[in-house]
Amino acid sequence: MKRILLSACLSMIGTIAVAEGSTVYTFDGSFDDATFSVENAIVGPGLVIDYVSHTGEMLARTAEDVGSDVDLFAAADIFVFCSASLSREVMEADPMNIAYCPYGVFVAERDGDVMIGYRNYPEGEMQKVQSLLDDIVQEALGE
């Protein structure tokens, strides 16, 4: 009964899945709309996108070269960026938090479903970064 209730609640607020190491939300719209929304959600509060990795294109382009015929994504991009103030804060707490910078939000389309997500971070100071990433994704989802 609890599982059914949880499923019903999640369907009302959008689908979320916590895969090992990442948090993923279903986007109600096209891949292009999702990438536009993510880009705006990152630059809106003044963050700068350093790079957009077109991971889906790379995987499609190199599949034959690595001996694969698996079509992983119809499209997949990763938006790479940093927050100077937040990065400084978490690295002043522990300089080895440099290992988690820069940060990324991905958009991917698979089997007709568009998803937006990010890598999960460890407990402690890095939860501030995870909160930022979730805020960005929530903005992109229109929540």
N, C-alpha and C. Protein backbone atom coordinates (compact mmCIF):
# COMPACT_ATOMS: atom_id res chain seq x y z
N MET A 1 0.82 -1.19 0.00
CA MET A 1 0.00 0.00 0.00
C MET A 1 0.87 1.27 0.00
N LYS A 2 1.94 1.26 0.83
CA LYS A 2 2.82 2.42 0.88
C LYS A 2 3.47 2.69 -0.46
N ARG A 3 3.86 1.63 -1.18
CA ARG A 3 4.49 1.77 -2.49
C ARG A 3 3.52 2.39 -3.48
N ILE A 4 2.25 1.99 -3.45
CA ILE A 4 1.24 2.55 -4.35
C ILE A 4 1.04 4.02 -4.05
N LEU A 5 0.97 4.37 -2.76
CA LEU A 5 0.79 5.76 -2.37
C LEU A 5 1.99 6.60 -2.81
N LEU A 6 3.20 6.09 -2.63
CA LEU A 6 4.40 6.79 -3.06
C LEU A 6 4.38 6.99 -4.58
N SER A 7 4.02 5.97 -5.32
CA SER A 7 3.94 6.07 -6.77
C SER A 7 2.93 7.12 -7.19
N ALA A 8 1.79 7.16 -6.54
CA ALA A 8 0.77 8.15 -6.87
C ALA A 8 1.26 9.55 -6.58
N CYS A 9 1.94 9.74 -5.45
CA CYS A 9 2.47 11.06 -5.11
C CYS A 9 3.52 11.51 -6.12
N LEU A 10 4.41 10.60 -6.49
CA LEU A 10 5.45 10.96 -7.46
C LEU A 10 4.86 11.29 -8.81
N SER A 11 3.81 10.61 -9.21
CA SER A 11 3.23 10.90 -10.51
C SER A 11 2.61 12.29 -10.54
N MET A 12 2.22 12.79 -9.38
CA MET A 12 1.63 14.14 -9.33
C MET A 12 2.71 15.21 -9.42
N ILE A 13 3.91 14.94 -8.93
CA ILE A 13 4.95 15.98 -8.93
C ILE A 13 5.99 15.76 -10.01
N GLY A 14 5.87 14.75 -10.81
CA GLY A 14 6.87 14.43 -11.82
C GLY A 14 7.62 13.18 -11.38
N THR A 15 8.15 12.51 -12.32
CA THR A 15 8.82 11.25 -12.00
C THR A 15 10.25 11.51 -11.60
N ILE A 16 10.66 10.88 -10.52
CA ILE A 16 12.04 10.95 -10.07
C ILE A 16 12.54 9.53 -9.88
N ALA A 17 13.76 9.31 -10.26
CA ALA A 17 14.39 8.02 -10.02
C ALA A 17 15.78 8.28 -9.47
N VAL A 18 16.15 7.55 -8.47
CA VAL A 18 17.49 7.67 -7.95
C VAL A 18 18.23 6.41 -8.36
N ALA A 19 18.97 6.54 -9.45
CA ALA A 19 19.80 5.43 -9.91
C ALA A 19 21.06 5.44 -9.05
N GLU A 20 21.80 4.37 -9.09
CA GLU A 20 23.03 4.35 -8.32
C GLU A 20 23.91 5.50 -8.76
N GLY A 21 24.12 6.43 -7.86
CA GLY A 21 25.01 7.53 -8.15
C GLY A 21 24.40 8.74 -8.81
N SER A 22 23.11 8.71 -9.16
CA SER A 22 22.52 9.88 -9.81
C SER A 22 21.04 10.01 -9.47
N THR A 23 20.54 11.23 -9.64
CA THR A 23 19.13 11.52 -9.48
C THR A 23 18.60 11.95 -10.85
N VAL A 24 17.49 11.36 -11.27
CA VAL A 24 16.96 11.58 -12.61
C VAL A 24 15.47 11.89 -12.54
N TYR A 25 15.06 12.93 -13.26
CA TYR A 25 13.67 13.32 -13.36
C TYR A 25 13.20 13.17 -14.80
N THR A 26 11.95 12.81 -14.99
CA THR A 26 11.36 12.76 -16.32
C THR A 26 10.90 14.15 -16.70
N PHE A 27 11.24 14.56 -17.92
CA PHE A 27 10.84 15.87 -18.44
C PHE A 27 9.65 15.68 -19.37
N ASP A 28 8.64 16.49 -19.19
CA ASP A 28 7.44 16.42 -20.03
C ASP A 28 7.62 17.37 -21.21
N GLY A 29 8.26 16.89 -22.26
CA GLY A 29 8.52 17.69 -23.43
C GLY A 29 9.62 17.06 -24.25
N SER A 30 10.05 17.80 -25.26
CA SER A 30 11.07 17.29 -26.18
C SER A 30 12.47 17.46 -25.60
N PHE A 31 13.42 16.76 -26.19
CA PHE A 31 14.83 16.90 -25.82
C PHE A 31 15.28 18.35 -25.99
N ASP A 32 14.94 18.96 -27.12
CA ASP A 32 15.34 20.34 -27.37
C ASP A 32 14.75 21.29 -26.33
N ASP A 33 13.50 21.07 -25.95
CA ASP A 33 12.88 21.91 -24.92
C ASP A 33 13.60 21.72 -23.58
N ALA A 34 13.97 20.48 -23.29
CA ALA A 34 14.66 20.20 -22.03
C ALA A 34 16.04 20.86 -21.99
N THR A 35 16.79 20.79 -23.08
CA THR A 35 18.12 21.42 -23.09
C THR A 35 17.99 22.94 -22.97
N PHE A 36 16.99 23.51 -23.62
CA PHE A 36 16.75 24.95 -23.52
C PHE A 36 16.42 25.33 -22.08
N SER A 37 15.58 24.53 -21.44
CA SER A 37 15.19 24.80 -20.05
C SER A 37 16.37 24.67 -19.10
N VAL A 38 17.19 23.65 -19.29
CA VAL A 38 18.36 23.47 -18.43
C VAL A 38 19.34 24.62 -18.62
N GLU A 39 19.61 24.98 -19.85
CA GLU A 39 20.52 26.09 -20.11
C GLU A 39 20.04 27.36 -19.41
N ASN A 40 18.76 27.67 -19.54
CA ASN A 40 18.20 28.86 -18.89
C ASN A 40 18.26 28.76 -17.37
N ALA A 41 18.03 27.58 -16.84
CA ALA A 41 18.06 27.39 -15.38
C ALA A 41 19.47 27.56 -14.83
N ILE A 42 20.48 27.28 -15.63
CA ILE A 42 21.88 27.46 -15.19
C ILE A 42 22.29 28.92 -15.31
N VAL A 43 22.05 29.53 -16.46
CA VAL A 43 22.53 30.90 -16.67
C VAL A 43 21.64 31.94 -15.99
N GLY A 44 20.40 31.60 -15.73
CA GLY A 44 19.48 32.55 -15.10
C GLY A 44 20.00 33.15 -13.81
N PRO A 45 20.50 32.33 -12.89
CA PRO A 45 21.03 32.90 -11.64
C PRO A 45 22.46 33.41 -11.74
N GLY A 46 23.01 33.48 -12.96
CA GLY A 46 24.33 34.06 -13.16
C GLY A 46 25.47 33.08 -13.28
N LEU A 47 25.17 31.79 -13.36
CA LEU A 47 26.23 30.80 -13.56
C LEU A 47 26.62 30.78 -15.04
N VAL A 48 27.82 30.32 -15.32
CA VAL A 48 28.33 30.28 -16.69
C VAL A 48 28.55 28.82 -17.08
N ILE A 49 28.00 28.44 -18.23
CA ILE A 49 28.22 27.10 -18.75
C ILE A 49 29.59 27.08 -19.41
N ASP A 50 30.48 26.24 -18.89
CA ASP A 50 31.83 26.15 -19.44
C ASP A 50 31.85 25.35 -20.73
N TYR A 51 31.00 24.32 -20.78
CA TYR A 51 31.06 23.40 -21.91
C TYR A 51 29.78 22.59 -21.96
N VAL A 52 29.35 22.26 -23.16
CA VAL A 52 28.26 21.32 -23.34
C VAL A 52 28.84 20.10 -24.04
N SER A 53 28.83 18.98 -23.33
CA SER A 53 29.33 17.73 -23.88
C SER A 53 28.19 17.04 -24.62
N HIS A 54 28.37 16.81 -25.90
CA HIS A 54 27.36 16.15 -26.72
C HIS A 54 27.63 14.64 -26.68
N THR A 55 27.40 14.09 -25.51
CA THR A 55 27.73 12.69 -25.23
C THR A 55 26.96 11.73 -26.12
N GLY A 56 25.70 12.03 -26.37
CA GLY A 56 24.90 11.16 -27.24
C GLY A 56 25.47 11.06 -28.64
N GLU A 57 25.89 12.19 -29.19
CA GLU A 57 26.50 12.20 -30.53
C GLU A 57 27.80 11.40 -30.53
N MET A 58 28.62 11.56 -29.49
CA MET A 58 29.88 10.82 -29.40
C MET A 58 29.62 9.32 -29.33
N LEU A 59 28.66 8.90 -28.53
CA LEU A 59 28.36 7.47 -28.41
C LEU A 59 27.86 6.89 -29.73
N ALA A 60 27.03 7.64 -30.42
CA ALA A 60 26.51 7.17 -31.72
C ALA A 60 27.64 7.10 -32.75
N ARG A 61 28.49 8.12 -32.75
CA ARG A 61 29.58 8.20 -33.73
C ARG A 61 30.62 7.10 -33.53
N THR A 62 30.86 6.70 -32.29
CA THR A 62 31.94 5.75 -32.00
C THR A 62 31.46 4.32 -31.77
N ALA A 63 30.16 4.07 -31.84
CA ALA A 63 29.63 2.73 -31.56
C ALA A 63 30.30 1.66 -32.41
N GLU A 64 30.32 1.87 -33.71
CA GLU A 64 30.91 0.88 -34.61
C GLU A 64 32.40 0.69 -34.32
N ASP A 65 33.09 1.79 -34.00
CA ASP A 65 34.52 1.73 -33.73
C ASP A 65 34.86 0.85 -32.52
N VAL A 66 33.94 0.79 -31.57
CA VAL A 66 34.19 -0.02 -30.37
C VAL A 66 33.46 -1.36 -30.42
N GLY A 67 32.90 -1.69 -31.58
CA GLY A 67 32.27 -2.98 -31.78
C GLY A 67 30.89 -3.12 -31.17
N SER A 68 30.14 -2.03 -31.11
CA SER A 68 28.81 -2.07 -30.52
C SER A 68 27.76 -1.66 -31.53
N ASP A 69 26.59 -2.28 -31.40
CA ASP A 69 25.44 -1.86 -32.22
C ASP A 69 24.29 -1.40 -31.33
N VAL A 70 24.59 -1.10 -30.06
CA VAL A 70 23.59 -0.67 -29.09
C VAL A 70 23.37 0.83 -29.23
N ASP A 71 22.13 1.22 -29.43
CA ASP A 71 21.75 2.63 -29.51
C ASP A 71 21.33 3.06 -28.10
N LEU A 72 22.23 3.72 -27.37
CA LEU A 72 21.96 4.06 -25.98
C LEU A 72 20.98 5.20 -25.81
N PHE A 73 21.16 6.27 -26.58
CA PHE A 73 20.33 7.46 -26.45
C PHE A 73 19.98 8.00 -27.82
N ALA A 74 18.77 8.54 -27.94
CA ALA A 74 18.42 9.27 -29.15
C ALA A 74 19.19 10.59 -29.17
N ALA A 75 19.43 11.14 -27.96
CA ALA A 75 20.21 12.36 -27.79
C ALA A 75 20.64 12.44 -26.33
N ALA A 76 21.79 13.04 -26.08
CA ALA A 76 22.26 13.21 -24.70
C ALA A 76 23.31 14.31 -24.66
N ASP A 77 23.09 15.29 -23.80
CA ASP A 77 24.03 16.38 -23.59
C ASP A 77 24.28 16.53 -22.10
N ILE A 78 25.49 16.97 -21.75
CA ILE A 78 25.82 17.27 -20.36
C ILE A 78 26.30 18.72 -20.30
N PHE A 79 25.65 19.51 -19.46
CA PHE A 79 26.00 20.91 -19.27
C PHE A 79 26.98 20.98 -18.09
N VAL A 80 28.19 21.48 -18.37
CA VAL A 80 29.26 21.52 -17.38
C VAL A 80 29.46 22.97 -16.96
N PHE A 81 29.47 23.20 -15.65
CA PHE A 81 29.58 24.56 -15.12
C PHE A 81 30.10 24.50 -13.69
N CYS A 82 30.36 25.67 -13.13
CA CYS A 82 30.80 25.76 -11.74
C CYS A 82 30.16 26.99 -11.10
N SER A 83 30.16 27.02 -9.81
CA SER A 83 29.75 28.19 -9.05
C SER A 83 30.95 28.64 -8.25
N ALA A 84 31.48 29.81 -8.55
CA ALA A 84 32.69 30.28 -7.88
C ALA A 84 32.48 30.35 -6.36
N SER A 85 31.38 30.91 -5.93
CA SER A 85 31.17 31.08 -4.49
C SER A 85 30.94 29.74 -3.80
N LEU A 86 30.11 28.89 -4.37
CA LEU A 86 29.83 27.60 -3.75
C LEU A 86 31.05 26.68 -3.81
N SER A 87 31.76 26.70 -4.92
CA SER A 87 32.97 25.88 -5.04
C SER A 87 33.99 26.30 -3.99
N ARG A 88 34.17 27.59 -3.82
CA ARG A 88 35.11 28.08 -2.80
C ARG A 88 34.67 27.62 -1.42
N GLU A 89 33.39 27.73 -1.14
CA GLU A 89 32.87 27.33 0.18
C GLU A 89 33.14 25.85 0.47
N VAL A 90 32.83 24.99 -0.48
CA VAL A 90 33.00 23.56 -0.22
C VAL A 90 34.47 23.16 -0.23
N MET A 91 35.30 23.87 -0.98
CA MET A 91 36.72 23.55 -1.00
C MET A 91 37.46 24.15 0.19
N GLU A 92 36.95 25.25 0.75
CA GLU A 92 37.53 25.75 2.00
C GLU A 92 37.24 24.79 3.13
N ALA A 93 36.09 24.11 3.08
CA ALA A 93 35.75 23.10 4.09
C ALA A 93 36.64 21.87 3.93
N ASP A 94 36.94 21.52 2.69
CA ASP A 94 37.82 20.37 2.39
C ASP A 94 38.38 20.57 0.99
N PRO A 95 39.66 20.93 0.89
CA PRO A 95 40.26 21.17 -0.43
C PRO A 95 40.11 20.00 -1.40
N MET A 96 39.95 18.79 -0.89
CA MET A 96 39.82 17.63 -1.77
C MET A 96 38.45 17.55 -2.44
N ASN A 97 37.55 18.45 -2.08
CA ASN A 97 36.27 18.55 -2.80
C ASN A 97 36.49 19.04 -4.23
N ILE A 98 37.73 19.42 -4.55
CA ILE A 98 38.06 19.78 -5.93
C ILE A 98 37.74 18.62 -6.88
N ALA A 99 37.77 17.41 -6.36
CA ALA A 99 37.52 16.22 -7.18
C ALA A 99 36.11 16.23 -7.78
N TYR A 100 35.19 17.01 -7.20
CA TYR A 100 33.81 17.02 -7.67
C TYR A 100 33.51 18.18 -8.62
N CYS A 101 34.48 19.04 -8.86
CA CYS A 101 34.27 20.21 -9.69
C CYS A 101 34.86 19.94 -11.07
N PRO A 102 34.28 20.33 -12.16
CA PRO A 102 33.04 21.11 -12.28
C PRO A 102 31.81 20.23 -12.08
N TYR A 103 30.66 20.86 -12.07
CA TYR A 103 29.39 20.20 -11.85
C TYR A 103 28.70 19.99 -13.19
N GLY A 104 27.78 19.07 -13.24
CA GLY A 104 27.10 18.79 -14.50
C GLY A 104 25.64 18.43 -14.31
N VAL A 105 24.85 18.86 -15.26
CA VAL A 105 23.44 18.46 -15.37
C VAL A 105 23.28 17.86 -16.75
N PHE A 106 22.69 16.66 -16.81
CA PHE A 106 22.53 16.02 -18.10
C PHE A 106 21.07 16.02 -18.54
N VAL A 107 20.92 16.00 -19.86
CA VAL A 107 19.62 15.83 -20.51
C VAL A 107 19.80 14.68 -21.48
N ALA A 108 18.90 13.72 -21.43
CA ALA A 108 19.01 12.57 -22.33
C ALA A 108 17.63 12.11 -22.77
N GLU A 109 17.59 11.56 -23.97
CA GLU A 109 16.36 10.96 -24.48
C GLU A 109 16.65 9.50 -24.78
N ARG A 110 15.79 8.66 -24.23
CA ARG A 110 15.94 7.21 -24.41
C ARG A 110 14.56 6.59 -24.50
N ASP A 111 14.35 5.80 -25.54
CA ASP A 111 13.06 5.12 -25.73
C ASP A 111 11.88 6.08 -25.68
N GLY A 112 12.08 7.29 -26.23
CA GLY A 112 11.00 8.27 -26.29
C GLY A 112 10.81 9.07 -25.01
N ASP A 113 11.55 8.77 -23.96
CA ASP A 113 11.45 9.51 -22.70
C ASP A 113 12.61 10.46 -22.56
N VAL A 114 12.32 11.69 -22.15
CA VAL A 114 13.36 12.69 -21.93
C VAL A 114 13.57 12.81 -20.42
N MET A 115 14.84 12.82 -20.03
CA MET A 115 15.17 12.89 -18.61
C MET A 115 16.22 13.96 -18.36
N ILE A 116 16.16 14.51 -17.16
CA ILE A 116 17.14 15.49 -16.70
C ILE A 116 17.66 14.99 -15.36
N GLY A 117 18.97 15.08 -15.17
CA GLY A 117 19.51 14.59 -13.91
C GLY A 117 20.89 15.10 -13.61
N TYR A 118 21.42 14.59 -12.51
CA TYR A 118 22.74 14.99 -12.05
C TYR A 118 23.33 13.88 -11.19
N ARG A 119 24.63 13.93 -11.02
CA ARG A 119 25.37 12.99 -10.17
C ARG A 119 25.10 13.34 -8.71
N ASN A 120 24.95 12.32 -7.87
CA ASN A 120 24.79 12.53 -6.44
C ASN A 120 26.16 12.75 -5.79
N TYR A 121 26.16 13.57 -4.76
CA TYR A 121 27.39 13.91 -4.05
C TYR A 121 27.37 13.35 -2.64
N PRO A 122 28.55 13.22 -2.02
CA PRO A 122 28.62 12.64 -0.68
C PRO A 122 28.00 13.55 0.38
N GLU A 123 27.70 12.95 1.51
CA GLU A 123 27.18 13.72 2.65
C GLU A 123 28.19 14.78 3.06
N GLY A 124 27.70 15.76 3.77
CA GLY A 124 28.57 16.84 4.23
C GLY A 124 28.44 18.06 3.35
N GLU A 125 29.52 18.80 3.22
CA GLU A 125 29.51 20.07 2.49
C GLU A 125 29.03 19.93 1.05
N MET A 126 29.31 18.80 0.39
CA MET A 126 28.93 18.64 -1.01
C MET A 126 27.42 18.54 -1.21
N GLN A 127 26.67 18.38 -0.13
CA GLN A 127 25.22 18.39 -0.25
C GLN A 127 24.72 19.78 -0.65
N LYS A 128 25.49 20.81 -0.38
CA LYS A 128 25.14 22.16 -0.83
C LYS A 128 25.17 22.22 -2.36
N VAL A 129 26.14 21.55 -2.97
CA VAL A 129 26.23 21.49 -4.43
C VAL A 129 25.06 20.67 -4.97
N GLN A 130 24.78 19.56 -4.33
CA GLN A 130 23.66 18.72 -4.79
C GLN A 130 22.36 19.50 -4.70
N SER A 131 22.20 20.31 -3.67
CA SER A 131 21.00 21.14 -3.55
C SER A 131 20.92 22.15 -4.70
N LEU A 132 22.05 22.76 -5.05
CA LEU A 132 22.09 23.67 -6.19
C LEU A 132 21.66 22.96 -7.46
N LEU A 133 22.21 21.76 -7.69
CA LEU A 133 21.87 21.00 -8.89
C LEU A 133 20.38 20.66 -8.92
N ASP A 134 19.84 20.28 -7.77
CA ASP A 134 18.42 19.96 -7.74
C ASP A 134 17.58 21.21 -7.99
N ASP A 135 17.99 22.35 -7.45
CA ASP A 135 17.28 23.61 -7.72
C ASP A 135 17.28 23.91 -9.22
N ILE A 136 18.41 23.72 -9.87
CA ILE A 136 18.51 23.97 -11.31
C ILE A 136 17.58 23.04 -12.07
N VAL A 137 17.59 21.77 -11.71
CA VAL A 137 16.71 20.80 -12.41
C VAL A 137 15.25 21.12 -12.14
N GLN A 138 14.90 21.47 -10.93
CA GLN A 138 13.52 21.83 -10.62
C GLN A 138 13.06 23.03 -11.45
N GLU A 139 13.95 24.01 -11.59
CA GLU A 139 13.64 25.17 -12.43
C GLU A 139 13.43 24.75 -13.88
N ALA A 140 14.29 23.87 -14.36
CA ALA A 140 14.16 23.40 -15.74
C ALA A 140 12.87 22.60 -15.94
N LEU A 141 12.45 21.91 -14.92
CA LEU A 141 11.20 21.13 -14.99
C LEU A 141 9.97 22.02 -14.86
N GLY A 142 10.19 23.27 -14.47
CA GLY A 142 9.06 24.18 -14.28
C GLY A 142 8.40 24.01 -12.96
N GLU A 143 9.09 23.45 -11.99
CA GLU A 143 8.54 23.21 -10.65
C GLU A 143 8.71 24.42 -9.79
